[in-house]
Amino acid sequence: MDKLLDSPWFLRFTALFLAILLFYTVKTDEGKLMNNSSSEDMEVIHDVPVEVYYDNENLIVTGIPETVNVTIDGPVNIVQTTKLLKDFTLYVDLTSLLMGEHQVRIRHENISEKLQVRIDPATIDINIEEKITETFRIEPEFNERLLAEGFNVVNMEVQPSTVEVTGAKSVIESINFVKATVAIDAGVRESFEQEARVRVLDRDLNKLDVDIMPENVTIKVDVQEHTKEVPIVINETGTPPNGVTINSITPEVNSIVLSGPKRVLNEIETFPIDIDVSKIEKSGTVEVKLKKPKEIFSLSPTTINVKIDTTIEGAVEEEEVAEETAGEGATAVETTKVEDVPVVITGLNEKFKGTFIEPVNGLVTITVKATPDVISKLKKSDFAVSINASPASEEGEEVFPIHVKGPPNVEWTLSMEEATLKIELA
């Protein structure tokens, strides 16, 4: 054995064997590595955003999807790295295209050339349009079913009243409605204001893809009780005393204003006042307290003066009466006039303006009857005279009843019961 190990040929053959063994070992590892590197893989990358290059200051582009799916196919290590990093870009370059409809290809950059790339969709139909901005008036909306029974909306205001809408020319031209809707809990009994989002809609009430400035506005809603003006009707009850003939019984105001639920007001056409003629002995003026009907919230005025004209057989008729009628005693009163009281227009849609035809300059005279101490303290500002112009829906002349709110313990009559307005676009 020692001789064999000392033999140079033995050592040469051993070295040759080890060299051949090492060669085949390395060759096998390289083959495995080559096989691993050359294996293929395929992956789908979902929801990849698409960038668009165009003149976004003056143009609007429609038809570009926000995201697309990308399929990559190639060496497994490159596929997996690309999917993990997502450091590539999908884009559409429209800088050289004119306005109009085009079919364009979605392109990619920063993806290895060793990968096959498929984009879904690969081509898209787009439309390049002029970008324009127009100003629109906002239409406020409020569901009146949210009001408590007996209340109604007399006016709605929007601040600001207009918005600027920017978008493609064809989209701007399709705008039919610009609305802001109030959302509030049911049972509304008083005026309020609320912020609301502006919506831009076409004629089919589809929401349009536009930019709105501002996006939110403030809506002020004026709420008040339902009111109705009805004529006064005098009903005579009882029998006049012997020798007394009733020639006429005339109220000094012809109508009163009731407030209450709409269903109740709809059933009331007149306001009857019973006068017991059995207690009338001579002519004069009597103050009558009015009784509030069932379910009615309030009435105005609460008392009226009734003028009674009689003929008394064998006696000289006196100027004034101091007898009790209708269960109420007559009260000594003084009369004065409050002149140039302004009539306030309420409820008129903001797209209109109203000009008084009658009364001239919107001023009326109020004839007041009250006790001397009340008369001495009266001021013009004690009376609130107004008309509710909310029914006006078009240009032209409209007639509205005049309403008065005044101090207690005072009776009044107006120089005219109705006002005539000329309605024009604002």
Protein backbone atom coordinates (compact mmCIF):
# COMPACT_ATOMS: atom_id res chain seq x y z
CA MET A 1 0.00 0.00 0.00
CA ASP A 2 2.83 2.35 0.84
CA LYS A 3 4.43 1.57 -2.50
CA LEU A 4 1.13 2.38 -4.25
CA LEU A 5 0.83 5.73 -2.51
CA ASP A 6 4.41 6.52 -3.34
CA SER A 7 3.84 5.72 -7.02
CA PRO A 8 3.56 8.93 -9.15
CA TRP A 9 1.17 7.27 -11.57
CA PHE A 10 -1.25 6.40 -8.82
CA LEU A 11 -1.31 10.00 -7.73
CA ARG A 12 -1.83 11.15 -11.33
CA PHE A 13 -4.82 8.81 -11.84
CA THR A 14 -6.34 9.84 -8.51
CA ALA A 15 -6.08 13.52 -9.41
CA LEU A 16 -7.64 12.87 -12.82
CA PHE A 17 -10.57 11.01 -11.23
CA LEU A 18 -11.26 13.77 -8.74
CA ALA A 19 -11.13 16.38 -11.52
CA ILE A 20 -13.65 14.45 -13.62
CA LEU A 21 -15.95 14.00 -10.59
CA LEU A 22 -15.79 17.71 -9.76
CA PHE A 23 -16.53 18.63 -13.40
CA TYR A 24 -19.73 16.57 -13.54
CA THR A 25 -20.88 17.85 -10.15
CA VAL A 26 -20.56 21.49 -11.25
CA LYS A 27 -22.19 20.74 -14.60
CA THR A 28 -25.23 19.20 -12.90
CA ASP A 29 -25.71 22.25 -10.60
CA GLU A 30 -25.47 24.63 -13.54
CA GLY A 31 -28.10 22.61 -15.39
CA LYS A 32 -30.47 22.84 -12.44
CA LEU A 33 -29.88 26.58 -12.17
CA MET A 34 -30.45 27.02 -15.89
CA ASN A 35 -33.68 25.06 -15.68
CA ASN A 36 -34.94 27.18 -12.76
CA SER A 37 -34.07 30.45 -14.53
CA SER A 38 -35.78 29.48 -17.76
CA SER A 39 -39.14 28.35 -16.20
CA GLU A 40 -42.12 30.55 -17.20
CA ASP A 41 -44.89 32.15 -15.09
CA MET A 42 -48.01 34.27 -15.76
CA GLU A 43 -49.77 36.71 -13.42
CA VAL A 44 -52.71 39.14 -13.67
CA ILE A 45 -52.26 42.47 -11.91
CA HIS A 46 -55.69 43.96 -11.17
CA ASP A 47 -56.82 47.59 -10.92
CA VAL A 48 -53.75 49.31 -12.31
CA PRO A 49 -54.37 53.09 -12.63
CA VAL A 50 -54.15 54.74 -16.05
CA GLU A 51 -52.45 58.12 -16.41
CA VAL A 52 -53.64 60.56 -19.09
CA TYR A 53 -51.46 63.18 -20.72
CA TYR A 54 -53.44 66.11 -22.24
CA ASP A 55 -54.14 69.84 -21.89
CA ASN A 56 -56.28 69.65 -18.78
CA GLU A 57 -56.55 73.45 -18.53
CA ASN A 58 -58.64 73.78 -21.68
CA LEU A 59 -59.88 70.28 -22.49
CA ILE A 60 -62.00 67.53 -20.94
CA VAL A 61 -61.46 63.86 -21.84
CA THR A 62 -64.14 61.22 -21.35
CA GLY A 63 -63.94 57.48 -21.86
CA ILE A 64 -60.70 56.84 -19.96
CA PRO A 65 -61.11 54.02 -17.41
CA GLU A 66 -59.68 54.78 -13.99
CA THR A 67 -58.04 51.33 -13.77
CA VAL A 68 -57.38 48.32 -16.02
CA ASN A 69 -56.03 44.77 -15.59
CA VAL A 70 -52.54 43.83 -16.81
CA THR A 71 -51.40 40.28 -17.64
CA ILE A 72 -47.62 39.64 -17.62
CA ASP A 73 -45.96 36.46 -18.89
CA GLY A 74 -42.27 35.54 -18.69
CA PRO A 75 -39.50 34.29 -16.39
CA VAL A 76 -40.93 33.56 -12.99
CA ASN A 77 -38.47 35.70 -11.04
CA ILE A 78 -39.12 38.77 -13.24
CA VAL A 79 -42.88 38.22 -13.17
CA GLN A 80 -42.97 38.00 -9.40
CA THR A 81 -40.72 41.04 -8.95
CA THR A 82 -42.86 43.12 -11.33
CA LYS A 83 -46.09 42.11 -9.60
CA LEU A 84 -44.64 42.85 -6.17
CA LEU A 85 -43.10 46.25 -6.92
CA LYS A 86 -45.66 47.57 -9.46
CA ASP A 87 -43.07 50.15 -10.45
CA PHE A 88 -44.39 50.50 -13.99
CA THR A 89 -46.78 53.00 -15.57
CA LEU A 90 -49.80 52.66 -17.85
CA TYR A 91 -50.62 55.79 -19.81
CA VAL A 92 -52.53 57.34 -22.70
CA ASP A 93 -50.83 60.21 -24.52
CA LEU A 94 -53.39 62.56 -26.12
CA THR A 95 -51.20 65.64 -26.48
CA SER A 96 -51.06 65.37 -30.28
CA LEU A 97 -54.77 64.68 -30.85
CA LEU A 98 -57.42 67.20 -31.89
CA MET A 99 -60.84 67.57 -30.26
CA GLY A 100 -63.30 64.85 -31.19
CA GLU A 101 -63.71 61.10 -30.88
CA HIS A 102 -60.67 58.82 -31.09
CA GLN A 103 -59.66 55.21 -30.48
CA VAL A 104 -56.36 55.03 -28.63
CA ARG A 105 -54.10 52.33 -27.23
CA ILE A 106 -53.10 52.13 -23.59
CA ARG A 107 -49.31 51.99 -23.41
CA HIS A 108 -46.86 50.94 -20.71
CA GLU A 109 -43.38 51.86 -19.59
CA ASN A 110 -40.77 50.51 -17.15
CA ILE A 111 -41.76 46.85 -17.72
CA SER A 112 -38.96 44.38 -18.55
CA GLU A 113 -38.59 43.54 -22.24
CA LYS A 114 -38.40 39.87 -21.23
CA LEU A 115 -42.09 39.96 -20.29
CA GLN A 116 -45.07 39.71 -22.57
CA VAL A 117 -47.69 42.32 -21.58
CA ARG A 118 -51.43 42.26 -22.28
CA ILE A 119 -53.66 45.13 -21.13
CA ASP A 120 -57.41 44.67 -20.76
CA PRO A 121 -58.79 46.66 -22.48
CA ALA A 122 -55.90 47.30 -24.85
CA THR A 123 -57.67 50.08 -26.77
CA ILE A 124 -60.35 52.51 -25.64
CA ASP A 125 -62.76 54.96 -27.29
CA ILE A 126 -62.31 58.47 -25.95
CA ASN A 127 -63.80 61.90 -26.62
CA ILE A 128 -61.83 65.13 -26.33
CA GLU A 129 -64.01 68.20 -25.73
CA GLU A 130 -63.63 71.85 -24.89
CA LYS A 131 -63.73 72.61 -21.15
CA ILE A 132 -66.18 75.40 -20.30
CA THR A 133 -67.50 77.03 -17.12
CA GLU A 134 -71.01 78.46 -16.74
CA THR A 135 -72.98 79.99 -13.89
CA PHE A 136 -76.29 78.42 -12.81
CA ARG A 137 -78.95 79.51 -10.34
CA ILE A 138 -79.58 76.98 -7.57
CA GLU A 139 -83.09 75.60 -7.02
CA PRO A 140 -83.68 74.81 -3.33
CA GLU A 141 -85.75 71.71 -2.48
CA PHE A 142 -87.61 70.87 0.71
CA ASN A 143 -90.15 68.09 1.29
CA GLU A 144 -93.11 69.85 2.90
CA ARG A 145 -94.32 66.53 4.29
CA LEU A 146 -91.62 67.03 6.93
CA LEU A 147 -93.55 70.01 8.32
CA ALA A 148 -95.74 69.66 11.38
CA GLU A 149 -99.46 69.78 10.68
CA GLY A 150 -100.70 73.32 10.25
CA PHE A 151 -97.43 74.77 8.95
CA ASN A 152 -96.19 75.66 5.49
CA VAL A 153 -93.10 77.06 3.78
CA VAL A 154 -93.51 80.69 2.78
CA ASN A 155 -90.04 81.26 1.35
CA MET A 156 -86.68 79.59 0.72
CA GLU A 157 -83.40 81.40 0.09
CA VAL A 158 -80.03 80.01 -1.00
CA GLN A 159 -76.68 81.59 -0.13
CA PRO A 160 -74.94 81.88 -2.50
CA SER A 161 -77.78 81.77 -5.01
CA THR A 162 -75.57 80.62 -7.93
CA VAL A 163 -72.72 78.18 -8.56
CA GLU A 164 -70.07 77.84 -11.25
CA VAL A 165 -70.16 74.49 -13.05
CA THR A 166 -67.15 73.32 -15.09
CA GLY A 167 -67.13 70.38 -17.48
CA ALA A 168 -67.19 69.19 -21.06
CA LYS A 169 -69.20 71.46 -23.35
CA SER A 170 -71.69 68.70 -24.25
CA VAL A 171 -72.24 67.91 -20.56
CA ILE A 172 -72.75 71.56 -19.61
CA GLU A 173 -75.30 71.91 -22.42
CA SER A 174 -77.24 68.91 -21.05
CA ILE A 175 -77.75 70.48 -17.60
CA ASN A 176 -81.45 70.87 -16.76
CA PHE A 177 -81.44 71.17 -12.98
CA VAL A 178 -79.08 72.52 -10.34
CA LYS A 179 -80.59 71.57 -7.00
CA ALA A 180 -79.78 71.72 -3.30
CA THR A 181 -82.00 69.56 -1.11
CA VAL A 182 -82.67 70.12 2.58
CA ALA A 183 -82.56 67.01 4.79
CA ILE A 184 -84.11 67.43 8.23
CA ASP A 185 -86.16 65.46 10.74
CA ALA A 186 -89.95 65.51 10.44
CA GLY A 187 -92.16 67.78 12.55
CA VAL A 188 -90.70 71.17 11.56
CA ARG A 189 -92.53 74.05 13.28
CA GLU A 190 -90.17 76.99 12.85
CA SER A 191 -87.86 78.62 10.34
CA PHE A 192 -84.34 77.23 10.04
CA GLU A 193 -81.20 77.23 7.92
CA GLN A 194 -79.05 74.28 6.85
CA GLU A 195 -76.07 73.45 4.67
CA ALA A 196 -76.85 71.33 1.60
CA ARG A 197 -74.80 69.75 -1.21
CA VAL A 198 -75.40 71.00 -4.75
CA ARG A 199 -76.42 68.43 -7.37
CA VAL A 200 -76.24 68.94 -11.14
CA LEU A 201 -78.73 66.83 -13.12
CA ASP A 202 -79.85 66.27 -16.70
CA ARG A 203 -83.51 66.20 -17.76
CA ASP A 204 -83.80 62.54 -16.67
CA LEU A 205 -82.43 63.48 -13.23
CA ASN A 206 -79.14 61.67 -13.85
CA LYS A 207 -76.20 63.12 -11.92
CA LEU A 208 -73.63 64.69 -14.24
CA ASP A 209 -69.84 64.42 -13.92
CA VAL A 210 -68.86 68.08 -13.46
CA ASP A 211 -66.91 70.27 -11.07
CA ILE A 212 -69.10 72.53 -8.88
CA MET A 213 -67.92 75.64 -7.06
CA PRO A 214 -68.97 75.87 -4.31
CA GLU A 215 -70.06 72.30 -3.65
CA ASN A 216 -72.15 73.25 -0.58
CA VAL A 217 -74.56 76.13 0.02
CA THR A 218 -76.71 77.41 2.90
CA ILE A 219 -80.50 77.19 2.57
CA LYS A 220 -82.77 79.37 4.71
CA VAL A 221 -86.35 78.08 5.03
CA ASP A 222 -89.09 80.38 6.35
CA VAL A 223 -91.88 78.38 8.01
CA GLN A 224 -95.18 79.70 9.32
CA GLU A 225 -98.62 78.47 10.22
CA HIS A 226 -101.19 77.87 7.48
CA THR A 227 -103.48 80.89 7.21
CA LYS A 228 -106.74 81.56 5.43
CA GLU A 229 -108.76 84.74 5.09
CA VAL A 230 -112.52 84.17 5.25
CA PRO A 231 -115.47 86.60 5.10
CA ILE A 232 -117.50 87.45 8.19
CA VAL A 233 -121.19 86.51 8.12
CA ILE A 234 -123.62 88.05 10.66
CA ASN A 235 -126.32 85.72 11.99
CA GLU A 236 -129.20 87.37 13.84
CA THR A 237 -130.59 85.37 16.77
CA GLY A 238 -133.58 86.08 18.96
CA THR A 239 -136.37 88.63 18.42
CA PRO A 240 -135.97 92.42 18.67
CA PRO A 241 -137.79 94.12 21.55
CA ASN A 242 -141.20 95.62 20.85
CA GLY A 243 -140.96 98.83 18.89
CA VAL A 244 -137.41 98.14 17.65
CA THR A 245 -136.76 97.40 13.98
CA ILE A 246 -133.30 96.16 12.95
CA ASN A 247 -132.37 97.90 9.69
CA SER A 248 -128.84 96.52 9.38
CA ILE A 249 -126.01 94.92 11.31
CA THR A 250 -122.65 95.57 9.66
CA PRO A 251 -119.17 94.52 10.86
CA GLU A 252 -116.51 97.20 10.43
CA VAL A 253 -114.13 94.58 8.96
CA ASN A 254 -115.31 92.21 6.26
CA SER A 255 -112.98 89.28 6.93
CA ILE A 256 -110.66 87.67 9.45
CA VAL A 257 -107.48 85.62 9.12
CA LEU A 258 -107.41 82.12 10.63
CA SER A 259 -104.33 79.96 11.23
CA GLY A 260 -104.39 76.22 11.75
CA PRO A 261 -104.11 72.82 10.03
CA LYS A 262 -104.69 72.99 6.30
CA ARG A 263 -107.34 70.26 6.38
CA VAL A 264 -109.33 72.32 8.91
CA LEU A 265 -108.91 75.59 7.02
CA ASN A 266 -110.08 73.95 3.80
CA GLU A 267 -113.42 73.22 5.42
CA ILE A 268 -113.99 76.80 6.59
CA GLU A 269 -115.51 79.13 4.01
CA THR A 270 -117.04 81.80 6.26
CA PHE A 271 -116.76 83.02 9.84
CA PRO A 272 -120.25 83.33 11.40
CA ILE A 273 -120.90 85.80 14.22
CA ASP A 274 -124.14 85.47 16.18
CA ILE A 275 -125.78 88.72 17.28
CA ASP A 276 -128.60 88.48 19.83
CA VAL A 277 -131.02 91.13 18.57
CA SER A 278 -133.28 90.68 21.59
CA LYS A 279 -130.89 92.90 23.54
CA ILE A 280 -130.71 95.69 20.98
CA GLU A 281 -132.70 98.79 21.92
CA LYS A 282 -131.07 101.48 19.77
CA SER A 283 -128.51 102.15 17.06
CA GLY A 284 -124.79 102.28 17.75
CA THR A 285 -121.49 100.40 17.63
CA VAL A 286 -120.83 97.33 19.72
CA GLU A 287 -117.55 95.49 20.34
CA VAL A 288 -117.85 91.73 19.86
CA LYS A 289 -115.27 89.21 21.04
CA LEU A 290 -114.67 86.48 18.45
CA LYS A 291 -114.67 82.84 19.45
CA LYS A 292 -111.85 80.67 18.11
CA PRO A 293 -113.16 77.64 16.14
CA LYS A 294 -112.15 74.12 17.13
CA GLU A 295 -108.60 73.10 16.05
CA ILE A 296 -107.81 76.64 14.90
CA PHE A 297 -104.54 77.94 16.36
CA SER A 298 -105.31 81.66 16.24
CA LEU A 299 -107.41 84.33 14.55
CA SER A 300 -106.89 87.99 13.73
CA PRO A 301 -108.47 90.22 14.82
CA THR A 302 -109.80 88.72 18.05
CA THR A 303 -112.50 91.37 18.48
CA ILE A 304 -114.43 93.50 15.99
CA ASN A 305 -116.82 96.42 16.10
CA VAL A 306 -120.31 95.85 14.73
CA LYS A 307 -122.38 98.82 13.59
CA ILE A 308 -126.10 98.46 14.32
CA ASP A 309 -128.76 100.59 12.62
CA THR A 310 -132.27 100.52 14.08
CA THR A 311 -135.58 102.30 13.88
CA ILE A 312 -137.28 102.81 17.25
CA GLU A 313 -140.98 103.42 17.18
CA GLY A 314 -141.98 106.68 18.95
CA ALA A 315 -138.46 107.58 20.06
CA VAL A 316 -135.55 109.63 18.84
CA GLU A 317 -132.63 107.38 17.85
CA GLU A 318 -129.41 108.11 19.67
CA GLU A 319 -126.01 108.21 18.00
CA GLU A 320 -124.33 105.60 20.11
CA VAL A 321 -125.38 102.44 21.90
CA ALA A 322 -124.18 101.25 25.26
CA GLU A 323 -126.03 98.00 25.41
CA GLU A 324 -124.56 94.53 25.68
CA THR A 325 -124.90 92.21 22.63
CA ALA A 326 -123.71 88.72 21.88
CA GLY A 327 -122.90 88.27 25.56
CA GLU A 328 -120.29 91.08 25.44
CA GLY A 329 -120.53 94.65 26.68
CA ALA A 330 -119.87 97.62 24.42
CA THR A 331 -116.73 99.58 25.21
CA ALA A 332 -116.28 103.32 24.81
CA VAL A 333 -113.61 103.91 22.21
CA GLU A 334 -111.76 106.68 20.41
CA THR A 335 -110.84 106.67 16.75
CA THR A 336 -107.58 107.78 15.15
CA LYS A 337 -105.72 107.20 11.90
CA VAL A 338 -102.21 105.85 11.44
CA GLU A 339 -101.02 106.96 8.01
CA ASP A 340 -98.27 105.83 5.60
CA VAL A 341 -97.85 102.37 7.09
CA PRO A 342 -95.61 100.30 4.71
CA VAL A 343 -96.85 96.99 3.33
CA VAL A 344 -94.12 94.30 3.40
CA ILE A 345 -93.95 91.72 0.58
CA THR A 346 -93.26 88.20 1.89
CA GLY A 347 -92.98 84.81 0.22
CA LEU A 348 -92.12 86.12 -3.27
CA ASN A 349 -89.83 83.76 -5.18
CA GLU A 350 -86.36 85.29 -5.45
CA LYS A 351 -86.46 85.07 -9.24
CA PHE A 352 -89.22 87.72 -9.21
CA LYS A 353 -89.52 91.28 -7.98
CA GLY A 354 -92.78 92.99 -7.06
CA THR A 355 -93.79 96.64 -7.56
CA PHE A 356 -96.88 98.07 -5.90
CA ILE A 357 -99.63 99.31 -8.20
CA GLU A 358 -102.07 99.65 -5.31
CA PRO A 359 -101.64 100.95 -2.68
CA VAL A 360 -99.43 103.66 -4.19
CA ASN A 361 -95.85 103.30 -2.96
CA GLY A 362 -97.00 100.35 -0.85
CA LEU A 363 -98.40 102.59 1.92
CA VAL A 364 -101.78 102.20 3.64
CA THR A 365 -103.75 104.07 6.28
CA ILE A 366 -105.03 102.21 9.34
CA THR A 367 -108.09 103.51 11.16
CA VAL A 368 -107.70 102.52 14.80
CA LYS A 369 -110.32 102.25 17.55
CA ALA A 370 -109.28 101.77 21.15
CA THR A 371 -109.58 103.25 24.59
CA PRO A 372 -108.02 106.69 25.06
CA ASP A 373 -105.07 105.39 27.08
CA VAL A 374 -104.22 102.84 24.39
CA ILE A 375 -104.61 105.41 21.60
CA SER A 376 -102.17 107.77 23.31
CA LYS A 377 -99.40 105.15 23.27
CA LEU A 378 -99.85 103.90 19.69
CA LYS A 379 -96.97 104.11 17.19
CA LYS A 380 -96.76 103.27 13.50
CA SER A 381 -94.26 100.52 14.33
CA ASP A 382 -96.91 98.75 16.43
CA PHE A 383 -98.50 97.49 13.21
CA ALA A 384 -96.99 94.86 10.89
CA VAL A 385 -98.73 95.02 7.51
CA SER A 386 -97.82 92.41 4.90
CA ILE A 387 -98.91 90.39 1.90
CA ASN A 388 -98.01 86.78 1.14
CA ALA A 389 -96.89 86.73 -2.51
CA SER A 390 -95.81 83.06 -2.57
CA PRO A 391 -98.63 82.06 -5.01
CA ALA A 392 -97.04 84.24 -7.75
CA SER A 393 -95.55 81.92 -10.37
CA GLU A 394 -95.28 84.11 -13.47
CA GLU A 395 -94.95 87.70 -14.61
CA GLY A 396 -98.01 89.96 -14.62
CA GLU A 397 -100.35 91.69 -12.20
CA GLU A 398 -101.43 89.81 -9.09
CA VAL A 399 -103.85 90.72 -6.29
CA PHE A 400 -103.12 89.63 -2.71
CA PRO A 401 -105.04 90.14 0.55
CA ILE A 402 -103.38 92.48 3.04
CA HIS A 403 -102.72 91.07 6.51
CA VAL A 404 -102.26 93.12 9.66
CA LYS A 405 -100.75 92.23 13.00
CA GLY A 406 -101.24 94.87 15.67
CA PRO A 407 -101.15 95.41 19.41
CA PRO A 408 -103.76 93.89 21.74
CA ASN A 409 -106.93 95.71 22.77
CA VAL A 410 -107.01 97.58 19.46
CA GLU A 411 -109.42 97.30 16.53
CA TRP A 412 -108.46 98.53 13.12
CA THR A 413 -109.61 98.82 9.54
CA LEU A 414 -107.44 99.30 6.47
CA SER A 415 -107.81 101.91 3.78
CA MET A 416 -107.89 98.94 1.39
CA GLU A 417 -108.18 95.19 1.92
CA GLU A 418 -106.12 94.04 -1.08
CA ALA A 419 -102.85 95.02 -2.75
CA THR A 420 -102.04 94.80 -6.46
CA LEU A 421 -98.47 93.92 -7.44
CA LYS A 422 -96.71 94.02 -10.78
CA ILE A 423 -94.63 90.83 -10.88
CA GLU A 424 -91.44 90.94 -13.00
CA LEU A 425 -88.31 88.82 -13.33
CA ALA A 426 -85.60 89.98 -10.95
